[in-house]
Amino acid sequence: MKLESCPFCGSDKVAWTPIDEERYDIIKEGFIWCHGCDFTSDIFSDLKSAAEKWNRRTEPMRYGKWVLLRSGDWTSVYGCSVCKRRVTVGCDKDKALDRVKTLYPYCHCGAKMDLEG
């Protein structure tokens, strides 16, 4: 059964993880683990029930961009175009946009920050 992308970070590196791999033929319990943001779900009795719940709450991916709000010589402030969250990066102002894109490829609202500004 296919697992949809992570609703928290948008990563498609999501996997069913048995709680006891050595006895998986007897114990089918496990959880869903996102390797993108390290989120782990509750424990489910089997993959089918976990996937049904996981996939049901997946929303379409949102996309945004980091908008420059304030620029100084060594500190710049950017805002998410989706939720208006602010992040501050400390570096040369000529390198600030690249730095914020590297540090924050996703906003905490879940938007993938890959639109060009």
PDB file of N, CA and C in Angstrom:
ATOM      1  N   MET A   1       0.855  -1.178   0.000  1.00  0.00           N
ATOM      2  CA  MET A   1       0.000   0.000   0.000  1.00  0.00           C
ATOM      3  C   MET A   1       0.902   1.243   0.000  1.00  0.00           C
ATOM      4  N   LYS A   2       0.615   2.199  -0.876  1.00  0.00           N
ATOM      5  CA  LYS A   2       1.422   3.404  -1.035  1.00  0.00           C
ATOM      6  C   LYS A   2       1.107   4.416   0.061  1.00  0.00           C
ATOM      7  N   LEU A   3       2.162   4.995   0.617  1.00  0.00           N
ATOM      8  CA  LEU A   3       2.017   6.067   1.591  1.00  0.00           C
ATOM      9  C   LEU A   3       2.220   7.399   0.879  1.00  0.00           C
ATOM     10  N   GLU A   4       1.322   8.334   1.121  1.00  0.00           N
ATOM     11  CA  GLU A   4       1.430   9.664   0.533  1.00  0.00           C
ATOM     12  C   GLU A   4       2.549  10.447   1.221  1.00  0.00           C
ATOM     13  N   SER A   5       2.896  11.596   0.657  1.00  0.00           N
ATOM     14  CA  SER A   5       3.957  12.419   1.229  1.00  0.00           C
ATOM     15  C   SER A   5       3.577  12.913   2.623  1.00  0.00           C
ATOM     16  N   CYS A   6       4.586  13.337   3.363  1.00  0.00           N
ATOM     17  CA  CYS A   6       4.387  13.793   4.735  1.00  0.00           C
ATOM     18  C   CYS A   6       3.569  15.086   4.759  1.00  0.00           C
ATOM     19  N   PRO A   7       2.503  15.136   5.551  1.00  0.00           N
ATOM     20  CA  PRO A   7       1.700  16.354   5.617  1.00  0.00           C
ATOM     21  C   PRO A   7       2.374  17.469   6.419  1.00  0.00           C
ATOM     22  N   PHE A   8       3.467  17.153   7.101  1.00  0.00           N
ATOM     23  CA  PHE A   8       4.153  18.151   7.909  1.00  0.00           C
ATOM     24  C   PHE A   8       5.278  18.844   7.153  1.00  0.00           C
ATOM     25  N   CYS A   9       6.048  18.076   6.359  1.00  0.00           N
ATOM     26  CA  CYS A   9       7.169  18.691   5.646  1.00  0.00           C
ATOM     27  C   CYS A   9       7.095  18.510   4.144  1.00  0.00           C
ATOM     28  N   GLY A  10       6.197  17.648   3.663  1.00  0.00           N
ATOM     29  CA  GLY A  10       6.048  17.444   2.224  1.00  0.00           C
ATOM     30  C   GLY A  10       6.971  16.398   1.634  1.00  0.00           C
ATOM     31  N   SER A  11       7.847  15.821   2.440  1.00  0.00           N
ATOM     32  CA  SER A  11       8.795  14.830   1.933  1.00  0.00           C
ATOM     33  C   SER A  11       8.076  13.567   1.486  1.00  0.00           C
ATOM     34  N   ASP A  12       8.610  12.951   0.433  1.00  0.00           N
ATOM     35  CA  ASP A  12       8.062  11.664   0.010  1.00  0.00           C
ATOM     36  C   ASP A  12       8.891  10.499   0.561  1.00  0.00           C
ATOM     37  N   LYS A  13       9.830  10.802   1.442  1.00  0.00           N
ATOM     38  CA  LYS A  13      10.654   9.775   2.087  1.00  0.00           C
ATOM     39  C   LYS A  13       9.953   9.304   3.354  1.00  0.00           C
ATOM     40  N   VAL A  14       8.840   8.612   3.147  1.00  0.00           N
ATOM     41  CA  VAL A  14       7.980   8.142   4.229  1.00  0.00           C
ATOM     42  C   VAL A  14       7.953   6.620   4.169  1.00  0.00           C
ATOM     43  N   ALA A  15       8.106   5.961   5.319  1.00  0.00           N
ATOM     44  CA  ALA A  15       8.188   4.501   5.317  1.00  0.00           C
ATOM     45  C   ALA A  15       7.428   3.878   6.478  1.00  0.00           C
ATOM     46  N   TRP A  16       6.883   2.693   6.221  1.00  0.00           N
ATOM     47  CA  TRP A  16       6.302   1.853   7.265  1.00  0.00           C
ATOM     48  C   TRP A  16       7.470   1.203   8.006  1.00  0.00           C
ATOM     49  N   THR A  17       7.458   1.290   9.325  1.00  0.00           N
ATOM     50  CA  THR A  17       8.559   0.770  10.130  1.00  0.00           C
ATOM     51  C   THR A  17       8.009  -0.194  11.177  1.00  0.00           C
ATOM     52  N   PRO A  18       8.310  -1.489  11.036  1.00  0.00           N
ATOM     53  CA  PRO A  18       7.837  -2.462  12.030  1.00  0.00           C
ATOM     54  C   PRO A  18       8.478  -2.198  13.390  1.00  0.00           C
ATOM     55  N   ILE A  19       7.733  -2.445  14.469  1.00  0.00           N
ATOM     56  CA  ILE A  19       8.313  -2.229  15.804  1.00  0.00           C
ATOM     57  C   ILE A  19       9.257  -3.362  16.194  1.00  0.00           C
ATOM     58  N   ASP A  20       9.109  -4.514  15.540  1.00  0.00           N
ATOM     59  CA  ASP A  20      10.007  -5.641  15.815  1.00  0.00           C
ATOM     60  C   ASP A  20      10.294  -6.341  14.493  1.00  0.00           C
ATOM     61  N   GLU A  21      11.348  -5.916  13.825  1.00  0.00           N
ATOM     62  CA  GLU A  21      11.650  -6.453  12.496  1.00  0.00           C
ATOM     63  C   GLU A  21      12.002  -7.937  12.526  1.00  0.00           C
ATOM     64  N   GLU A  22      12.583  -8.411  13.608  1.00  0.00           N
ATOM     65  CA  GLU A  22      12.976  -9.809  13.680  1.00  0.00           C
ATOM     66  C   GLU A  22      11.779 -10.749  13.793  1.00  0.00           C
ATOM     67  N   ARG A  23      10.688 -10.258  14.376  1.00  0.00           N
ATOM     68  CA  ARG A  23       9.494 -11.108  14.538  1.00  0.00           C
ATOM     69  C   ARG A  23       8.304 -10.557  13.750  1.00  0.00           C
ATOM     70  N   TYR A  24       8.581  -9.909  12.599  1.00  0.00           N
ATOM     71  CA  TYR A  24       7.507  -9.283  11.824  1.00  0.00           C
ATOM     72  C   TYR A  24       6.501 -10.300  11.299  1.00  0.00           C
ATOM     73  N   ASP A  25       6.922 -11.548  11.123  1.00  0.00           N
ATOM     74  CA  ASP A  25       5.980 -12.575  10.671  1.00  0.00           C
ATOM     75  C   ASP A  25       4.918 -12.866  11.727  1.00  0.00           C
ATOM     76  N   ILE A  26       5.212 -12.567  12.993  1.00  0.00           N
ATOM     77  CA  ILE A  26       4.260 -12.795  14.093  1.00  0.00           C
ATOM     78  C   ILE A  26       3.618 -11.475  14.530  1.00  0.00           C
ATOM     79  N   ILE A  27       4.451 -10.452  14.731  1.00  0.00           N
ATOM     80  CA  ILE A  27       3.970  -9.156  15.219  1.00  0.00           C
ATOM     81  C   ILE A  27       3.942  -8.184  14.039  1.00  0.00           C
ATOM     82  N   LYS A  28       2.768  -7.733  13.635  1.00  0.00           N
ATOM     83  CA  LYS A  28       2.608  -6.872  12.463  1.00  0.00           C
ATOM     84  C   LYS A  28       2.558  -5.387  12.815  1.00  0.00           C
ATOM     85  N   GLU A  29       2.669  -5.042  14.100  1.00  0.00           N
ATOM     86  CA  GLU A  29       2.569  -3.642  14.514  1.00  0.00           C
ATOM     87  C   GLU A  29       3.752  -2.823  14.013  1.00  0.00           C
ATOM     88  N   GLY A  30       3.474  -1.545  13.805  1.00  0.00           N
ATOM     89  CA  GLY A  30       4.534  -0.650  13.372  1.00  0.00           C
ATOM     90  C   GLY A  30       4.035   0.783  13.344  1.00  0.00           C
ATOM     91  N   PHE A  31       4.848   1.653  12.780  1.00  0.00           N
ATOM     92  CA  PHE A  31       4.498   3.070  12.714  1.00  0.00           C
ATOM     93  C   PHE A  31       5.018   3.642  11.408  1.00  0.00           C
ATOM     94  N   ILE A  32       4.566   4.829  11.088  1.00  0.00           N
ATOM     95  CA  ILE A  32       5.026   5.517   9.890  1.00  0.00           C
ATOM     96  C   ILE A  32       6.087   6.522  10.307  1.00  0.00           C
ATOM     97  N   TRP A  33       7.185   6.513   9.572  1.00  0.00           N
ATOM     98  CA  TRP A  33       8.322   7.376   9.884  1.00  0.00           C
ATOM     99  C   TRP A  33       8.660   8.213   8.664  1.00  0.00           C
ATOM    100  N   CYS A  34       8.669   9.542   8.838  1.00  0.00           N
ATOM    101  CA  CYS A  34       9.083  10.454   7.775  1.00  0.00           C
ATOM    102  C   CYS A  34      10.570  10.721   7.942  1.00  0.00           C
ATOM    103  N   HIS A  35      11.343  10.367   6.947  1.00  0.00           N
ATOM    104  CA  HIS A  35      12.782  10.586   6.997  1.00  0.00           C
ATOM    105  C   HIS A  35      13.144  12.028   6.640  1.00  0.00           C
ATOM    106  N   GLY A  36      12.160  12.808   6.186  1.00  0.00           N
ATOM    107  CA  GLY A  36      12.395  14.213   5.866  1.00  0.00           C
ATOM    108  C   GLY A  36      12.436  15.097   7.103  1.00  0.00           C
ATOM    109  N   CYS A  37      11.453  14.911   7.999  1.00  0.00           N
ATOM    110  CA  CYS A  37      11.387  15.762   9.203  1.00  0.00           C
ATOM    111  C   CYS A  37      11.485  14.960  10.496  1.00  0.00           C
ATOM    112  N   ASP A  38      11.652  13.629  10.379  1.00  0.00           N
ATOM    113  CA  ASP A  38      11.813  12.730  11.520  1.00  0.00           C
ATOM    114  C   ASP A  38      10.536  12.547  12.333  1.00  0.00           C
ATOM    115  N   PHE A  39       9.377  12.841  11.735  1.00  0.00           N
ATOM    116  CA  PHE A  39       8.102  12.619  12.416  1.00  0.00           C
ATOM    117  C   PHE A  39       7.820  11.119  12.481  1.00  0.00           C
ATOM    118  N   THR A  40       7.292  10.665  13.612  1.00  0.00           N
ATOM    119  CA  THR A  40       6.824   9.286  13.723  1.00  0.00           C
ATOM    120  C   THR A  40       5.373   9.292  14.179  1.00  0.00           C
ATOM    121  N   SER A  41       4.593   8.407  13.582  1.00  0.00           N
ATOM    122  CA  SER A  41       3.167   8.315  13.902  1.00  0.00           C
ATOM    123  C   SER A  41       2.951   7.488  15.164  1.00  0.00           C
ATOM    124  N   ASP A  42       1.690   7.357  15.536  1.00  0.00           N
ATOM    125  CA  ASP A  42       1.316   6.411  16.581  1.00  0.00           C
ATOM    126  C   ASP A  42       1.584   5.002  16.067  1.00  0.00           C
ATOM    127  N   ILE A  43       1.504   4.021  16.945  1.00  0.00           N
ATOM    128  CA  ILE A  43       1.677   2.630  16.540  1.00  0.00           C
ATOM    129  C   ILE A  43       0.336   2.101  16.036  1.00  0.00           C
ATOM    130  N   PHE A  44       0.393   1.397  14.904  1.00  0.00           N
ATOM    131  CA  PHE A  44      -0.797   0.803  14.299  1.00  0.00           C
ATOM    132  C   PHE A  44      -0.645  -0.706  14.261  1.00  0.00           C
ATOM    133  N   SER A  45      -1.780  -1.390  14.181  1.00  0.00           N
ATOM    134  CA  SER A  45      -1.761  -2.850  14.186  1.00  0.00           C
ATOM    135  C   SER A  45      -1.253  -3.442  12.880  1.00  0.00           C
ATOM    136  N   ASP A  46      -1.359  -2.695  11.789  1.00  0.00           N
ATOM    137  CA  ASP A  46      -0.860  -3.180  10.505  1.00  0.00           C
ATOM    138  C   ASP A  46      -0.686  -2.021   9.530  1.00  0.00           C
ATOM    139  N   LEU A  47       0.003  -2.283   8.438  1.00  0.00           N
ATOM    140  CA  LEU A  47       0.290  -1.259   7.439  1.00  0.00           C
ATOM    141  C   LEU A  47      -0.980  -0.714   6.807  1.00  0.00           C
ATOM    142  N   LYS A  48      -1.945  -1.570   6.539  1.00  0.00           N
ATOM    143  CA  LYS A  48      -3.170  -1.121   5.869  1.00  0.00           C
ATOM    144  C   LYS A  48      -3.897  -0.059   6.683  1.00  0.00           C
ATOM    145  N   SER A  49      -4.111  -0.297   7.975  1.00  0.00           N
ATOM    146  CA  SER A  49      -4.827   0.687   8.797  1.00  0.00           C
ATOM    147  C   SER A  49      -4.010   1.968   8.970  1.00  0.00           C
ATOM    148  N   ALA A  50      -2.684   1.833   9.074  1.00  0.00           N
ATOM    149  CA  ALA A  50      -1.830   3.017   9.194  1.00  0.00           C
ATOM    150  C   ALA A  50      -1.888   3.855   7.922  1.00  0.00           C
ATOM    151  N   ALA A  51      -1.791   3.207   6.770  1.00  0.00           N
ATOM    152  CA  ALA A  51      -1.805   3.921   5.488  1.00  0.00           C
ATOM    153  C   ALA A  51      -3.142   4.609   5.249  1.00  0.00           C
ATOM    154  N   GLU A  52      -4.234   3.955   5.617  1.00  0.00           N
ATOM    155  CA  GLU A  52      -5.552   4.580   5.444  1.00  0.00           C
ATOM    156  C   GLU A  52      -5.655   5.873   6.244  1.00  0.00           C
ATOM    157  N   LYS A  53      -5.185   5.850   7.474  1.00  0.00           N
ATOM    158  CA  LYS A  53      -5.242   7.059   8.302  1.00  0.00           C
ATOM    159  C   LYS A  53      -4.244   8.113   7.809  1.00  0.00           C
ATOM    160  N   TRP A  54      -3.026   7.700   7.492  1.00  0.00           N
ATOM    161  CA  TRP A  54      -1.979   8.615   7.018  1.00  0.00           C
ATOM    162  C   TRP A  54      -2.408   9.301   5.721  1.00  0.00           C
ATOM    163  N   ASN A  55      -2.884   8.545   4.780  1.00  0.00           N
ATOM    164  CA  ASN A  55      -3.247   9.094   3.468  1.00  0.00           C
ATOM    165  C   ASN A  55      -4.494   9.959   3.523  1.00  0.00           C
ATOM    166  N   ARG A  56      -5.373   9.703   4.458  1.00  0.00           N
ATOM    167  CA  ARG A  56      -6.617  10.460   4.570  1.00  0.00           C
ATOM    168  C   ARG A  56      -6.357  11.910   4.960  1.00  0.00           C
ATOM    169  N   ARG A  57      -5.314  12.177   5.699  1.00  0.00           N
ATOM    170  CA  ARG A  57      -5.079  13.533   6.172  1.00  0.00           C
ATOM    171  C   ARG A  57      -4.050  14.298   5.344  1.00  0.00           C
ATOM    172  N   THR A  58      -3.603  13.725   4.253  1.00  0.00           N
ATOM    173  CA  THR A  58      -2.656  14.425   3.402  1.00  0.00           C
ATOM    174  C   THR A  58      -3.387  15.489   2.594  1.00  0.00           C
ATOM    175  N   GLU A  59      -2.890  16.701   2.658  1.00  0.00           N
ATOM    176  CA  GLU A  59      -3.455  17.802   1.885  1.00  0.00           C
ATOM    177  C   GLU A  59      -2.573  18.052   0.674  1.00  0.00           C
ATOM    178  N   PRO A  60      -3.102  18.708  -0.351  1.00  0.00           N
ATOM    179  CA  PRO A  60      -2.258  19.045  -1.493  1.00  0.00           C
ATOM    180  C   PRO A  60      -1.087  19.926  -1.049  1.00  0.00           C
ATOM    181  N   MET A  61       0.047  19.723  -1.678  1.00  0.00           N
ATOM    182  CA  MET A  61       1.243  20.496  -1.340  1.00  0.00           C
ATOM    183  C   MET A  61       1.014  21.974  -1.631  1.00  0.00           C
ATOM    184  N   ARG A  62       1.408  22.801  -0.677  1.00  0.00           N
ATOM    185  CA  ARG A  62       1.363  24.255  -0.872  1.00  0.00           C
ATOM    186  C   ARG A  62       2.766  24.727  -1.217  1.00  0.00           C
ATOM    187  N   TYR A  63       2.847  25.741  -2.030  1.00  0.00           N
ATOM    188  CA  TYR A  63       4.139  26.286  -2.436  1.00  0.00           C
ATOM    189  C   TYR A  63       4.190  27.758  -2.084  1.00  0.00           C
ATOM    190  N   GLY A  64       5.361  28.207  -1.676  1.00  0.00           N
ATOM    191  CA  GLY A  64       5.526  29.605  -1.325  1.00  0.00           C
ATOM    192  C   GLY A  64       6.930  30.061  -1.647  1.00  0.00           C
ATOM    193  N   LYS A  65       7.232  31.264  -1.208  1.00  0.00           N
ATOM    194  CA  LYS A  65       8.579  31.798  -1.392  1.00  0.00           C
ATOM    195  C   LYS A  65       8.930  32.647  -0.188  1.00  0.00           C
ATOM    196  N   TRP A  66      10.224  32.802   0.043  1.00  0.00           N
ATOM    197  CA  TRP A  66      10.686  33.678   1.101  1.00  0.00           C
ATOM    198  C   TRP A  66      10.748  35.096   0.548  1.00  0.00           C
ATOM    199  N   VAL A  67      10.047  36.010   1.208  1.00  0.00           N
ATOM    200  CA  VAL A  67       9.976  37.407   0.787  1.00  0.00           C
ATOM    201  C   VAL A  67      10.848  38.229   1.731  1.00  0.00           C
ATOM    202  N   LEU A  68      11.761  39.007   1.164  1.00  0.00           N
ATOM    203  CA  LEU A  68      12.644  39.838   1.975  1.00  0.00           C
ATOM    204  C   LEU A  68      11.841  40.943   2.651  1.00  0.00           C
ATOM    205  N   LEU A  69      11.912  41.001   3.984  1.00  0.00           N
ATOM    206  CA  LEU A  69      11.204  42.022   4.750  1.00  0.00           C
ATOM    207  C   LEU A  69      12.146  43.134   5.221  1.00  0.00           C
ATOM    208  N   ARG A  70      13.372  42.725   5.595  1.00  0.00           N
ATOM    209  CA  ARG A  70      14.338  43.711   6.071  1.00  0.00           C
ATOM    210  C   ARG A  70      15.735  43.172   5.823  1.00  0.00           C
ATOM    211  N   SER A  71      16.609  44.031   5.353  1.00  0.00           N
ATOM    212  CA  SER A  71      17.973  43.612   5.060  1.00  0.00           C
ATOM    213  C   SER A  71      18.960  44.550   5.744  1.00  0.00           C
ATOM    214  N   GLY A  72      19.885  43.949   6.458  1.00  0.00           N
ATOM    215  CA  GLY A  72      20.964  44.712   7.075  1.00  0.00           C
ATOM    216  C   GLY A  72      22.289  44.177   6.576  1.00  0.00           C
ATOM    217  N   ASP A  73      23.368  44.713   7.073  1.00  0.00           N
ATOM    218  CA  ASP A  73      24.679  44.241   6.623  1.00  0.00           C
ATOM    219  C   ASP A  73      24.909  42.772   6.971  1.00  0.00           C
ATOM    220  N   TRP A  74      24.483  42.345   8.171  1.00  0.00           N
ATOM    221  CA  TRP A  74      24.746  40.972   8.591  1.00  0.00           C
ATOM    222  C   TRP A  74      23.511  40.196   9.027  1.00  0.00           C
ATOM    223  N   THR A  75      22.352  40.811   9.005  1.00  0.00           N
ATOM    224  CA  THR A  75      21.121  40.121   9.389  1.00  0.00           C
ATOM    225  C   THR A  75      20.010  40.492   8.416  1.00  0.00           C
ATOM    226  N   SER A  76      19.300  39.473   7.931  1.00  0.00           N
ATOM    227  CA  SER A  76      18.167  39.711   7.032  1.00  0.00           C
ATOM    228  C   SER A  76      16.955  38.967   7.556  1.00  0.00           C
ATOM    229  N   VAL A  77      15.776  39.542   7.365  1.00  0.00           N
ATOM    230  CA  VAL A  77      14.525  38.939   7.812  1.00  0.00           C
ATOM    231  C   VAL A  77      13.676  38.636   6.579  1.00  0.00           C
ATOM    232  N   TYR A  78      13.191  37.389   6.513  1.00  0.00           N
ATOM    233  CA  TYR A  78      12.339  36.950   5.409  1.00  0.00           C
ATOM    234  C   TYR A  78      11.007  36.488   5.966  1.00  0.00           C
ATOM    235  N   GLY A  79       9.947  36.614   5.165  1.00  0.00           N
ATOM    236  CA  GLY A  79       8.618  36.160   5.549  1.00  0.00           C
ATOM    237  C   GLY A  79       8.082  35.147   4.559  1.00  0.00           C
ATOM    238  N   CYS A  80       7.328  34.184   5.052  1.00  0.00           N
ATOM    239  CA  CYS A  80       6.687  33.180   4.200  1.00  0.00           C
ATOM    240  C   CYS A  80       5.543  33.841   3.433  1.00  0.00           C
ATOM    241  N   SER A  81       5.482  33.616   2.120  1.00  0.00           N
ATOM    242  CA  SER A  81       4.417  34.208   1.317  1.00  0.00           C
ATOM    243  C   SER A  81       3.061  33.560   1.585  1.00  0.00           C
ATOM    244  N   VAL A  82       3.039  32.412   2.265  1.00  0.00           N
ATOM    245  CA  VAL A  82       1.784  31.711   2.548  1.00  0.00           C
ATOM    246  C   VAL A  82       1.213  32.112   3.904  1.00  0.00           C
ATOM    247  N   CYS A  83       2.038  32.006   4.970  1.00  0.00           N
ATOM    248  CA  CYS A  83       1.520  32.238   6.324  1.00  0.00           C
ATOM    249  C   CYS A  83       2.095  33.481   7.008  1.00  0.00           C
ATOM    250  N   LYS A  84       3.057  34.118   6.377  1.00  0.00           N
ATOM    251  CA  LYS A  84       3.695  35.344   6.892  1.00  0.00           C
ATOM    252  C   LYS A  84       4.651  35.101   8.054  1.00  0.00           C
ATOM    253  N   ARG A  85       4.980  33.834   8.343  1.00  0.00           N
ATOM    254  CA  ARG A  85       5.972  33.551   9.389  1.00  0.00           C
ATOM    255  C   ARG A  85       7.285  34.229   9.023  1.00  0.00           C
ATOM    256  N   ARG A  86       7.995  34.712  10.024  1.00  0.00           N
ATOM    257  CA  ARG A  86       9.267  35.395   9.794  1.00  0.00           C
ATOM    258  C   ARG A  86      10.425  34.529  10.260  1.00  0.00           C
ATOM    259  N   VAL A  87      11.499  34.575   9.489  1.00  0.00           N
ATOM    260  CA  VAL A  87      12.745  33.920   9.886  1.00  0.00           C
ATOM    261  C   VAL A  87      13.879  34.918   9.690  1.00  0.00           C
ATOM    262  N   THR A  88      14.879  34.819  10.542  1.00  0.00           N
ATOM    263  CA  THR A  88      16.028  35.714  10.481  1.00  0.00           C
ATOM    264  C   THR A  88      17.269  34.893  10.181  1.00  0.00           C
ATOM    265  N   VAL A  89      18.066  35.374   9.252  1.00  0.00           N
ATOM    266  CA  VAL A  89      19.333  34.716   8.953  1.00  0.00           C
ATOM    267  C   VAL A  89      20.459  35.716   9.157  1.00  0.00           C
ATOM    268  N   GLY A  90      21.529  35.228   9.726  1.00  0.00           N
ATOM    269  CA  GLY A  90      22.687  36.072   9.963  1.00  0.00           C
ATOM    270  C   GLY A  90      23.813  35.715   9.012  1.00  0.00           C
ATOM    271  N   CYS A  91      24.039  36.556   8.035  1.00  0.00           N
ATOM    272  CA  CYS A  91      25.143  36.400   7.096  1.00  0.00           C
ATOM    273  C   CYS A  91      25.192  37.642   6.213  1.00  0.00           C
ATOM    274  N   ASP A  92      26.163  37.691   5.347  1.00  0.00           N
ATOM    275  CA  ASP A  92      26.293  38.801   4.400  1.00  0.00           C
ATOM    276  C   ASP A  92      24.992  38.941   3.614  1.00  0.00           C
ATOM    277  N   LYS A  93      24.497  40.163   3.456  1.00  0.00           N
ATOM    278  CA  LYS A  93      23.188  40.362   2.819  1.00  0.00           C
ATOM    279  C   LYS A  93      23.144  39.861   1.377  1.00  0.00           C
ATOM    280  N   ASP A  94      24.286  39.774   0.702  1.00  0.00           N
ATOM    281  CA  ASP A  94      24.313  39.254  -0.663  1.00  0.00           C
ATOM    282  C   ASP A  94      24.087  37.748  -0.717  1.00  0.00           C
ATOM    283  N   LYS A  95      24.308  37.069   0.398  1.00  0.00           N
ATOM    284  CA  LYS A  95      24.158  35.611   0.459  1.00  0.00           C
ATOM    285  C   LYS A  95      22.934  35.187   1.260  1.00  0.00           C
ATOM    286  N   ALA A  96      22.155  36.131   1.740  1.00  0.00           N
ATOM    287  CA  ALA A  96      21.054  35.829   2.665  1.00  0.00           C
ATOM    288  C   ALA A  96      19.964  34.970   2.047  1.00  0.00           C
ATOM    289  N   LEU A  97      19.564  35.250   0.809  1.00  0.00           N
ATOM    290  CA  LEU A  97      18.485  34.467   0.198  1.00  0.00           C
ATOM    291  C   LEU A  97      18.906  33.010   0.024  1.00  0.00           C
ATOM    292  N   ASP A  98      20.107  32.786  -0.439  1.00  0.00           N
ATOM    293  CA  ASP A  98      20.589  31.404  -0.573  1.00  0.00           C
ATOM    294  C   ASP A  98      20.637  30.716   0.783  1.00  0.00           C
ATOM    295  N   ARG A  99      21.034  31.439   1.800  1.00  0.00           N
ATOM    296  CA  ARG A  99      21.125  30.877   3.150  1.00  0.00           C
ATOM    297  C   ARG A  99      19.748  30.497   3.688  1.00  0.00           C
ATOM    298  N   VAL A 100      18.761  31.377   3.529  1.00  0.00           N
ATOM    299  CA  VAL A 100      17.421  31.082   4.037  1.00  0.00           C
ATOM    300  C   VAL A 100      16.800  29.909   3.276  1.00  0.00           C
ATOM    301  N   LYS A 101      17.055  29.799   1.985  1.00  0.00           N
ATOM    302  CA  LYS A 101      16.539  28.668   1.206  1.00  0.00           C
ATOM    303  C   LYS A 101      17.184  27.354   1.647  1.00  0.00           C
ATOM    304  N   THR A 102      18.459  27.414   2.024  1.00  0.00           N
ATOM    305  CA  THR A 102      19.156  26.216   2.494  1.00  0.00           C
ATOM    306  C   THR A 102      18.666  25.802   3.878  1.00  0.00           C
ATOM    307  N   LEU A 103      18.531  26.770   4.780  1.00  0.00           N
ATOM    308  CA  LEU A 103      18.105  26.469   6.149  1.00  0.00           C
ATOM    309  C   LEU A 103      16.631  26.104   6.250  1.00  0.00           C
ATOM    310  N   TYR A 104      15.799  26.705   5.405  1.00  0.00           N
ATOM    311  CA  TYR A 104      14.353  26.530   5.501  1.00  0.00           C
ATOM    312  C   TYR A 104      13.753  26.182   4.140  1.00  0.00           C
ATOM    313  N   PRO A 105      13.944  24.944   3.666  1.00  0.00           N
ATOM    314  CA  PRO A 105      13.326  24.561   2.395  1.00  0.00           C
ATOM    315  C   PRO A 105      11.798  24.445   2.506  1.00  0.00           C
ATOM    316  N   TYR A 106      11.312  24.279   3.739  1.00  0.00           N
ATOM    317  CA  TYR A 106       9.879  24.253   4.026  1.00  0.00           C
ATOM    318  C   TYR A 106       9.611  25.226   5.167  1.00  0.00           C
ATOM    319  N   CYS A 107       8.491  25.914   5.091  1.00  0.00           N
ATOM    320  CA  CYS A 107       8.048  26.743   6.207  1.00  0.00           C
ATOM    321  C   CYS A 107       7.364  25.827   7.218  1.00  0.00           C
ATOM    322  N   HIS A 108       7.208  26.276   8.465  1.00  0.00           N
ATOM    323  CA  HIS A 108       6.530  25.440   9.459  1.00  0.00           C
ATOM    324  C   HIS A 108       5.060  25.222   9.106  1.00  0.00           C
ATOM    325  N   CYS A 109       4.494  26.033   8.214  1.00  0.00           N
ATOM    326  CA  CYS A 109       3.092  25.843   7.790  1.00  0.00           C
ATOM    327  C   CYS A 109       2.968  24.702   6.785  1.00  0.00           C
ATOM    328  N   GLY A 110       4.104  24.156   6.358  1.00  0.00           N
ATOM    329  CA  GLY A 110       4.104  23.049   5.414  1.00  0.00           C
ATOM    330  C   GLY A 110       4.367  23.428   3.985  1.00  0.00           C
ATOM    331  N   ALA A 111       4.418  24.719   3.691  1.00  0.00           N
ATOM    332  CA  ALA A 111       4.643  25.159   2.313  1.00  0.00           C
ATOM    333  C   ALA A 111       6.073  24.848   1.885  1.00  0.00           C
ATOM    334  N   LYS A 112       6.196  24.298   0.690  1.00  0.00           N
ATOM    335  CA  LYS A 112       7.505  24.065   0.116  1.00  0.00           C
ATOM    336  C   LYS A 112       7.972  25.388  -0.490  1.00  0.00           C
ATOM    337  N   MET A 113       9.111  25.850  -0.028  1.00  0.00           N
ATOM    338  CA  MET A 113       9.569  27.189  -0.389  1.00  0.00           C
ATOM    339  C   MET A 113      10.462  27.169  -1.609  1.00  0.00           C
ATOM    340  N   ASP A 114       9.866  26.824  -2.774  1.00  0.00           N
ATOM    341  CA  ASP A 114      10.675  26.744  -3.976  1.00  0.00           C
ATOM    342  C   ASP A 114      10.194  27.649  -5.100  1.00  0.00           C
ATOM    343  N   LEU A 115       9.226  28.512  -4.825  1.00  0.00           N
ATOM    344  CA  LEU A 115       8.825  29.473  -5.848  1.00  0.00           C
ATOM    345  C   LEU A 115       9.867  30.564  -5.921  1.00  0.00           C
ATOM    346  N   GLU A 116      10.117  31.048  -7.098  1.00  0.00           N
ATOM    347  CA  GLU A 116      11.102  32.112  -7.270  1.00  0.00           C
ATOM    348  C   GLU A 116      10.494  33.459  -6.924  1.00  0.00           C
ATOM    349  N   GLY A 117      11.308  34.349  -6.367  1.00  0.00           N
ATOM    350  CA  GLY A 117      10.821  35.639  -5.902  1.00  0.00           C
ATOM    351  C   GLY A 117      10.931  36.737  -6.864  1.00  0.00           C
TER     352      GLY A 117
END
